[in-house]
Amino acid sequence: MRRCALSISPEKVFEIAALGLGGNIGDPPAAMAEALRQLDRREDCRVTAVSKLYSTPPWGKTDQADFFNCCALVETSLEPEALLDVCLSIERGMKRVRLERWGPRTIDIDVLTYGTREQKTEKLEVPHPRMTERGFVMKPLADIAPDLPVKGRRVRDWLEEADTGGIKVAGDQDWWRAR
């Protein structure tokens, strides 16, 4: 009699990651909406929440056009660096070119948080090292995860200290589905 070993495949473990999306060349809201739809179509990712769309002044390099920004929560079975690889692949597919730090771009997708994980590798640091300093990140993230702990404090608490001057609502939370 032949014995058959049962192979039990482990359940995929899903984690919630927060992503920041932005851009200021071409039609950034359309590019961000398409990026969110691409993520949502994957078996290993599911978009669970998207913030309002915001028009924001440039940060870092200020002699350029205003940006559009949003944040999204994604339920994923990918490890953090694999999620970053997917995001970078989507950026490349949308012709993102990295010419200068904080410069103009068609789209930018940052992995902001990955559950409660803290890690720093050559490729990725989570939580994102400068996210709490940026009103254009904290304001949309507060729309969808105000109580999310980041570096020992809630997003809503970081938002109280962030510079949100010039940030304007440019679309409700369904903006990405309508495009």
C-alpha atoms as a PDB file:
ATOM      1  CA  MET A   1       0.000   0.000   0.000  1.00  0.00           C
ATOM      2  CA  ARG A   2       1.336   3.409  -0.963  1.00  0.00           C
ATOM      3  CA  ARG A   3       1.299   6.126   1.674  1.00  0.00           C
ATOM      4  CA  CYS A   4       0.458   9.622   0.711  1.00  0.00           C
ATOM      5  CA  ALA A   5       1.682  12.508   2.778  1.00  0.00           C
ATOM      6  CA  LEU A   6      -0.818  15.257   3.141  1.00  0.00           C
ATOM      7  CA  SER A   7       0.670  18.559   2.317  1.00  0.00           C
ATOM      8  CA  ILE A   8      -0.933  21.238   4.349  1.00  0.00           C
ATOM      9  CA  SER A   9      -0.251  24.626   2.909  1.00  0.00           C
ATOM     10  CA  PRO A  10       0.036  27.288   5.549  1.00  0.00           C
ATOM     11  CA  GLU A  11      -2.576  29.999   5.561  1.00  0.00           C
ATOM     12  CA  LYS A  12      -1.401  33.192   4.019  1.00  0.00           C
ATOM     13  CA  VAL A  13      -0.896  35.818   6.653  1.00  0.00           C
ATOM     14  CA  PHE A  14      -2.247  39.207   5.694  1.00  0.00           C
ATOM     15  CA  GLU A  15      -0.989  42.447   7.169  1.00  0.00           C
ATOM     16  CA  ILE A  16      -2.269  45.998   6.768  1.00  0.00           C
ATOM     17  CA  ALA A  17       0.175  48.362   5.093  1.00  0.00           C
ATOM     18  CA  ALA A  18      -0.289  52.099   4.672  1.00  0.00           C
ATOM     19  CA  LEU A  19       0.799  53.577   1.365  1.00  0.00           C
ATOM     20  CA  GLY A  20       1.316  57.202   0.373  1.00  0.00           C
ATOM     21  CA  LEU A  21       0.719  58.164  -3.253  1.00  0.00           C
ATOM     22  CA  GLY A  22       1.469  61.411  -5.011  1.00  0.00           C
ATOM     23  CA  GLY A  23       2.449  63.110  -8.236  1.00  0.00           C
ATOM     24  CA  ASN A  24       2.515  66.441 -10.048  1.00  0.00           C
ATOM     25  CA  ILE A  25       3.148  65.686 -13.755  1.00  0.00           C
ATOM     26  CA  GLY A  26       0.458  64.774 -16.271  1.00  0.00           C
ATOM     27  CA  ASP A  27      -2.750  63.605 -14.593  1.00  0.00           C
ATOM     28  CA  PRO A  28      -1.634  62.434 -11.127  1.00  0.00           C
ATOM     29  CA  PRO A  29      -5.153  61.622  -9.846  1.00  0.00           C
ATOM     30  CA  ALA A  30      -5.695  59.306 -12.833  1.00  0.00           C
ATOM     31  CA  ALA A  31      -2.271  57.708 -12.317  1.00  0.00           C
ATOM     32  CA  MET A  32      -2.889  57.197  -8.581  1.00  0.00           C
ATOM     33  CA  ALA A  33      -6.358  55.758  -9.270  1.00  0.00           C
ATOM     34  CA  GLU A  34      -4.875  53.321 -11.785  1.00  0.00           C
ATOM     35  CA  ALA A  35      -2.119  52.333  -9.330  1.00  0.00           C
ATOM     36  CA  LEU A  36      -4.731  51.630  -6.638  1.00  0.00           C
ATOM     37  CA  ARG A  37      -6.791  49.557  -9.079  1.00  0.00           C
ATOM     38  CA  GLN A  38      -3.667  47.580 -10.085  1.00  0.00           C
ATOM     39  CA  LEU A  39      -2.909  46.846  -6.436  1.00  0.00           C
ATOM     40  CA  ASP A  40      -6.539  45.886  -5.771  1.00  0.00           C
ATOM     41  CA  ARG A  41      -6.592  43.417  -8.693  1.00  0.00           C
ATOM     42  CA  ARG A  42      -3.705  41.413  -7.245  1.00  0.00           C
ATOM     43  CA  GLU A  43      -4.372  38.225  -5.287  1.00  0.00           C
ATOM     44  CA  ASP A  44      -1.811  39.252  -2.665  1.00  0.00           C
ATOM     45  CA  CYS A  45      -3.146  42.793  -2.118  1.00  0.00           C
ATOM     46  CA  ARG A  46      -6.534  44.311  -1.434  1.00  0.00           C
ATOM     47  CA  VAL A  47      -7.185  48.029  -1.081  1.00  0.00           C
ATOM     48  CA  THR A  48      -9.307  48.409   2.054  1.00  0.00           C
ATOM     49  CA  ALA A  49      -9.454  52.209   2.408  1.00  0.00           C
ATOM     50  CA  VAL A  50      -8.462  55.290   0.423  1.00  0.00           C
ATOM     51  CA  SER A  51      -8.270  58.828   1.778  1.00  0.00           C
ATOM     52  CA  LYS A  52      -9.677  61.922   0.194  1.00  0.00           C
ATOM     53  CA  LEU A  53      -7.589  63.345  -2.629  1.00  0.00           C
ATOM     54  CA  TYR A  54      -5.579  66.429  -1.666  1.00  0.00           C
ATOM     55  CA  SER A  55      -3.873  69.196  -3.594  1.00  0.00           C
ATOM     56  CA  THR A  56      -0.659  70.010  -1.727  1.00  0.00           C
ATOM     57  CA  PRO A  57       2.187  72.479  -2.116  1.00  0.00           C
ATOM     58  CA  PRO A  58       5.554  70.935  -3.012  1.00  0.00           C
ATOM     59  CA  TRP A  59       7.779  69.862  -0.122  1.00  0.00           C
ATOM     60  CA  GLY A  60      11.576  69.827  -0.101  1.00  0.00           C
ATOM     61  CA  LYS A  61      12.022  71.183  -3.627  1.00  0.00           C
ATOM     62  CA  THR A  62       9.485  74.009  -3.792  1.00  0.00           C
ATOM     63  CA  ASP A  63      10.061  75.407  -7.310  1.00  0.00           C
ATOM     64  CA  GLN A  64       7.622  73.047  -9.015  1.00  0.00           C
ATOM     65  CA  ALA A  65       3.898  72.493  -9.516  1.00  0.00           C
ATOM     66  CA  ASP A  66       1.615  71.522  -6.650  1.00  0.00           C
ATOM     67  CA  PHE A  67       1.124  67.820  -6.012  1.00  0.00           C
ATOM     68  CA  PHE A  68      -1.888  65.604  -5.601  1.00  0.00           C
ATOM     69  CA  ASN A  69      -1.595  63.224  -2.643  1.00  0.00           C
ATOM     70  CA  CYS A  70      -3.581  60.481  -0.964  1.00  0.00           C
ATOM     71  CA  CYS A  71      -3.023  57.525   1.347  1.00  0.00           C
ATOM     72  CA  ALA A  72      -4.392  54.013   1.151  1.00  0.00           C
ATOM     73  CA  LEU A  73      -4.574  50.992   3.409  1.00  0.00           C
ATOM     74  CA  VAL A  74      -3.765  47.727   1.692  1.00  0.00           C
ATOM     75  CA  GLU A  75      -4.261  44.265   3.116  1.00  0.00           C
ATOM     76  CA  THR A  76      -1.367  42.202   1.762  1.00  0.00           C
ATOM     77  CA  SER A  77       0.339  38.849   2.127  1.00  0.00           C
ATOM     78  CA  LEU A  78       3.525  40.290   0.631  1.00  0.00           C
ATOM     79  CA  GLU A  79       6.491  41.002   2.860  1.00  0.00           C
ATOM     80  CA  PRO A  80       7.352  44.714   3.112  1.00  0.00           C
ATOM     81  CA  GLU A  81      10.180  44.681   0.556  1.00  0.00           C
ATOM     82  CA  ALA A  82       8.110  42.623  -1.889  1.00  0.00           C
ATOM     83  CA  LEU A  83       5.281  45.165  -1.511  1.00  0.00           C
ATOM     84  CA  LEU A  84       7.786  47.943  -2.263  1.00  0.00           C
ATOM     85  CA  ASP A  85       8.900  46.018  -5.368  1.00  0.00           C
ATOM     86  CA  VAL A  86       5.287  45.848  -6.569  1.00  0.00           C
ATOM     87  CA  CYS A  87       4.868  49.590  -5.969  1.00  0.00           C
ATOM     88  CA  LEU A  88       8.098  50.382  -7.844  1.00  0.00           C
ATOM     89  CA  SER A  89       7.005  48.137 -10.712  1.00  0.00           C
ATOM     90  CA  ILE A  90       3.711  50.036 -10.960  1.00  0.00           C
ATOM     91  CA  GLU A  91       5.649  53.320 -10.958  1.00  0.00           C
ATOM     92  CA  ARG A  92       7.913  52.078 -13.772  1.00  0.00           C
ATOM     93  CA  GLY A  93       4.881  50.924 -15.748  1.00  0.00           C
ATOM     94  CA  MET A  94       3.580  54.488 -15.503  1.00  0.00           C
ATOM     95  CA  LYS A  95       6.898  55.868 -16.777  1.00  0.00           C
ATOM     96  CA  ARG A  96       8.144  57.214 -13.432  1.00  0.00           C
ATOM     97  CA  VAL A  97      11.671  58.506 -13.848  1.00  0.00           C
ATOM     98  CA  ARG A  98      13.774  59.404 -10.796  1.00  0.00           C
ATOM     99  CA  LEU A  99      15.879  62.382 -11.868  1.00  0.00           C
ATOM    100  CA  GLU A 100      16.130  64.426  -8.672  1.00  0.00           C
ATOM    101  CA  ARG A 101      15.199  63.974  -5.046  1.00  0.00           C
ATOM    102  CA  TRP A 102      11.764  65.439  -4.249  1.00  0.00           C
ATOM    103  CA  GLY A 103      11.484  66.519  -7.882  1.00  0.00           C
ATOM    104  CA  PRO A 104       8.513  66.410 -10.244  1.00  0.00           C
ATOM    105  CA  ARG A 105       7.019  62.994 -10.911  1.00  0.00           C
ATOM    106  CA  THR A 106       4.131  61.275 -12.647  1.00  0.00           C
ATOM    107  CA  ILE A 107       3.547  59.056  -9.622  1.00  0.00           C
ATOM    108  CA  ASP A 108       5.215  58.126  -6.369  1.00  0.00           C
ATOM    109  CA  ILE A 109       4.125  55.237  -4.134  1.00  0.00           C
ATOM    110  CA  ASP A 110       5.707  54.961  -0.687  1.00  0.00           C
ATOM    111  CA  VAL A 111       5.274  52.157   1.825  1.00  0.00           C
ATOM    112  CA  LEU A 112       4.585  54.188   4.980  1.00  0.00           C
ATOM    113  CA  THR A 113       3.829  51.478   7.521  1.00  0.00           C
ATOM    114  CA  TYR A 114       3.546  47.709   7.532  1.00  0.00           C
ATOM    115  CA  GLY A 115       1.441  46.577  10.477  1.00  0.00           C
ATOM    116  CA  THR A 116       3.370  47.380  13.614  1.00  0.00           C
ATOM    117  CA  ARG A 117       6.648  46.268  12.079  1.00  0.00           C
ATOM    118  CA  GLU A 118       9.715  48.443  12.443  1.00  0.00           C
ATOM    119  CA  GLN A 119      12.553  47.635  10.111  1.00  0.00           C
ATOM    120  CA  LYS A 120      15.413  49.387   8.431  1.00  0.00           C
ATOM    121  CA  THR A 121      17.187  47.765   5.525  1.00  0.00           C
ATOM    122  CA  GLU A 122      19.200  49.156   2.658  1.00  0.00           C
ATOM    123  CA  LYS A 123      16.044  49.037   0.536  1.00  0.00           C
ATOM    124  CA  LEU A 124      13.217  50.038   2.885  1.00  0.00           C
ATOM    125  CA  GLU A 125      12.553  51.643   6.236  1.00  0.00           C
ATOM    126  CA  VAL A 126       9.174  51.294   7.956  1.00  0.00           C
ATOM    127  CA  PRO A 127       7.679  53.319   9.345  1.00  0.00           C
ATOM    128  CA  HIS A 128       8.756  55.729   6.616  1.00  0.00           C
ATOM    129  CA  PRO A 129      11.462  57.871   8.243  1.00  0.00           C
ATOM    130  CA  ARG A 130      10.023  61.303   7.354  1.00  0.00           C
ATOM    131  CA  MET A 131       6.299  60.609   7.210  1.00  0.00           C
ATOM    132  CA  THR A 132       5.447  62.270  10.535  1.00  0.00           C
ATOM    133  CA  GLU A 133       7.044  65.546   9.360  1.00  0.00           C
ATOM    134  CA  ARG A 134       4.870  65.766   6.269  1.00  0.00           C
ATOM    135  CA  GLY A 135       1.395  67.249   6.412  1.00  0.00           C
ATOM    136  CA  PHE A 136       0.715  65.893   2.918  1.00  0.00           C
ATOM    137  CA  VAL A 137       1.100  62.388   4.396  1.00  0.00           C
ATOM    138  CA  MET A 138      -0.432  62.832   7.840  1.00  0.00           C
ATOM    139  CA  LYS A 139      -3.590  64.625   6.656  1.00  0.00           C
ATOM    140  CA  PRO A 140      -4.732  61.920   4.219  1.00  0.00           C
ATOM    141  CA  LEU A 141      -3.557  59.150   6.534  1.00  0.00           C
ATOM    142  CA  ALA A 142      -5.686  60.657   9.328  1.00  0.00           C
ATOM    143  CA  ASP A 143      -8.734  60.282   7.033  1.00  0.00           C
ATOM    144  CA  ILE A 144      -8.412  56.493   7.049  1.00  0.00           C
ATOM    145  CA  ALA A 145      -6.298  55.583  10.093  1.00  0.00           C
ATOM    146  CA  PRO A 146      -6.365  58.353  12.719  1.00  0.00           C
ATOM    147  CA  ASP A 147      -5.548  55.945  15.551  1.00  0.00           C
ATOM    148  CA  LEU A 148      -2.768  54.085  13.740  1.00  0.00           C
ATOM    149  CA  PRO A 149       0.306  54.078  15.968  1.00  0.00           C
ATOM    150  CA  VAL A 150       3.430  55.454  14.294  1.00  0.00           C
ATOM    151  CA  LYS A 151       6.652  55.872  16.246  1.00  0.00           C
ATOM    152  CA  GLY A 152       4.802  55.677  19.564  1.00  0.00           C
ATOM    153  CA  ARG A 153       2.027  58.176  18.756  1.00  0.00           C
ATOM    154  CA  ARG A 154      -1.262  58.106  16.886  1.00  0.00           C
ATOM    155  CA  VAL A 155      -1.511  59.596  13.394  1.00  0.00           C
ATOM    156  CA  ARG A 156      -4.060  62.157  14.646  1.00  0.00           C
ATOM    157  CA  ASP A 157      -1.520  63.379  17.227  1.00  0.00           C
ATOM    158  CA  TRP A 158       1.237  63.730  14.629  1.00  0.00           C
ATOM    159  CA  LEU A 159      -1.203  65.628  12.397  1.00  0.00           C
ATOM    160  CA  GLU A 160      -1.710  68.286  15.083  1.00  0.00           C
ATOM    161  CA  GLU A 161       1.982  69.209  14.748  1.00  0.00           C
ATOM    162  CA  ALA A 162       2.326  68.848  10.974  1.00  0.00           C
ATOM    163  CA  ASP A 163       2.376  71.815   8.610  1.00  0.00           C
ATOM    164  CA  THR A 164      -0.859  71.531   6.632  1.00  0.00           C
ATOM    165  CA  GLY A 165      -0.739  75.035   5.167  1.00  0.00           C
ATOM    166  CA  GLY A 166      -1.925  75.140   1.575  1.00  0.00           C
ATOM    167  CA  ILE A 167      -3.347  71.601   1.609  1.00  0.00           C
ATOM    168  CA  LYS A 168      -6.811  71.501   0.007  1.00  0.00           C
ATOM    169  CA  VAL A 169      -9.335  68.710  -0.524  1.00  0.00           C
ATOM    170  CA  ALA A 170      -9.470  67.861  -4.235  1.00  0.00           C
ATOM    171  CA  GLY A 171     -11.768  64.812  -4.135  1.00  0.00           C
ATOM    172  CA  ASP A 172     -13.865  62.720  -1.750  1.00  0.00           C
ATOM    173  CA  GLN A 173     -12.908  59.195  -0.685  1.00  0.00           C
ATOM    174  CA  ASP A 174     -14.446  57.615  -3.799  1.00  0.00           C
ATOM    175  CA  TRP A 175     -12.391  59.795  -6.174  1.00  0.00           C
ATOM    176  CA  TRP A 176     -10.257  56.830  -7.237  1.00  0.00           C
ATOM    177  CA  ARG A 177     -13.197  54.628  -8.237  1.00  0.00           C
ATOM    178  CA  ALA A 178     -14.725  57.301 -10.465  1.00  0.00           C
ATOM    179  CA  ARG A 179     -11.657  57.667 -12.712  1.00  0.00           C
END
